[in-house]
């Protein structure tokens, strides 16, 4: 599974490629996409 998280440069520079990280945020403030590029909501249900 591939997960891409975009963040500010300060946070991004503190992580190394391939390193395990954890992420927590308000689900109303991020977008989630499935492997086919279709947007899904934070609870994993499909968006139309």
Protein backbone atom coordinates (compact mmCIF):
# COMPACT_ATOMS: atom_id res chain seq x y z
CA UNK A 1 0.00 0.00 0.00
CA UNK A 2 1.28 3.45 -0.89
CA UNK A 3 0.39 6.50 1.15
CA UNK A 4 1.37 10.04 0.18
CA UNK A 5 1.19 12.78 2.78
CA UNK A 6 1.94 16.36 1.83
CA UNK A 7 3.07 18.62 4.62
CA UNK A 8 5.17 21.69 5.23
CA UNK A 9 8.93 21.49 4.46
CA UNK A 10 9.99 21.52 8.11
CA UNK A 11 8.00 18.36 8.91
CA UNK A 12 8.87 16.68 5.60
CA UNK A 13 12.61 17.19 6.09
CA UNK A 14 12.52 15.41 9.45
CA UNK A 15 11.41 12.09 7.85
CA UNK A 16 13.57 9.83 5.70
CA UNK A 17 12.27 7.99 2.60
CA UNK A 18 10.97 4.56 3.59
CA UNK A 19 10.87 5.44 7.29
CA UNK A 20 7.73 4.50 9.23
CA UNK A 21 5.80 7.55 10.39
CA UNK A 22 2.52 8.20 12.15
CA UNK A 23 -0.01 10.83 11.18
CA UNK A 24 -2.96 12.26 13.03
CA UNK A 25 -5.28 15.03 11.91
CA UNK A 26 -8.85 16.22 11.88
CA UNK A 27 -10.60 14.05 9.21
CA UNK A 28 -12.40 17.17 7.97
CA UNK A 29 -9.08 18.71 6.93
CA UNK A 30 -7.57 16.12 4.57
CA UNK A 31 -8.43 14.27 1.36
CA UNK A 32 -8.14 10.49 0.92
CA UNK A 33 -7.93 8.68 -2.44
CA UNK A 34 -8.06 4.98 -3.29
CA UNK A 35 -5.55 3.14 -5.51
CA UNK A 36 -7.52 4.19 -8.61
CA UNK A 37 -7.44 7.87 -7.68
CA UNK A 38 -11.10 8.02 -6.62
CA UNK A 39 -11.75 10.18 -3.59
CA UNK A 40 -13.00 8.43 -0.47
CA UNK A 41 -14.01 10.00 2.82
CA UNK A 42 -12.07 9.56 6.06
CA UNK A 43 -14.34 6.66 7.08
CA UNK A 44 -13.47 4.74 3.89
CA UNK A 45 -16.80 5.20 2.10
CA UNK A 46 -16.81 6.15 -1.59
CA UNK A 47 -17.54 9.72 -2.61
CA UNK A 48 -19.72 10.47 -5.63
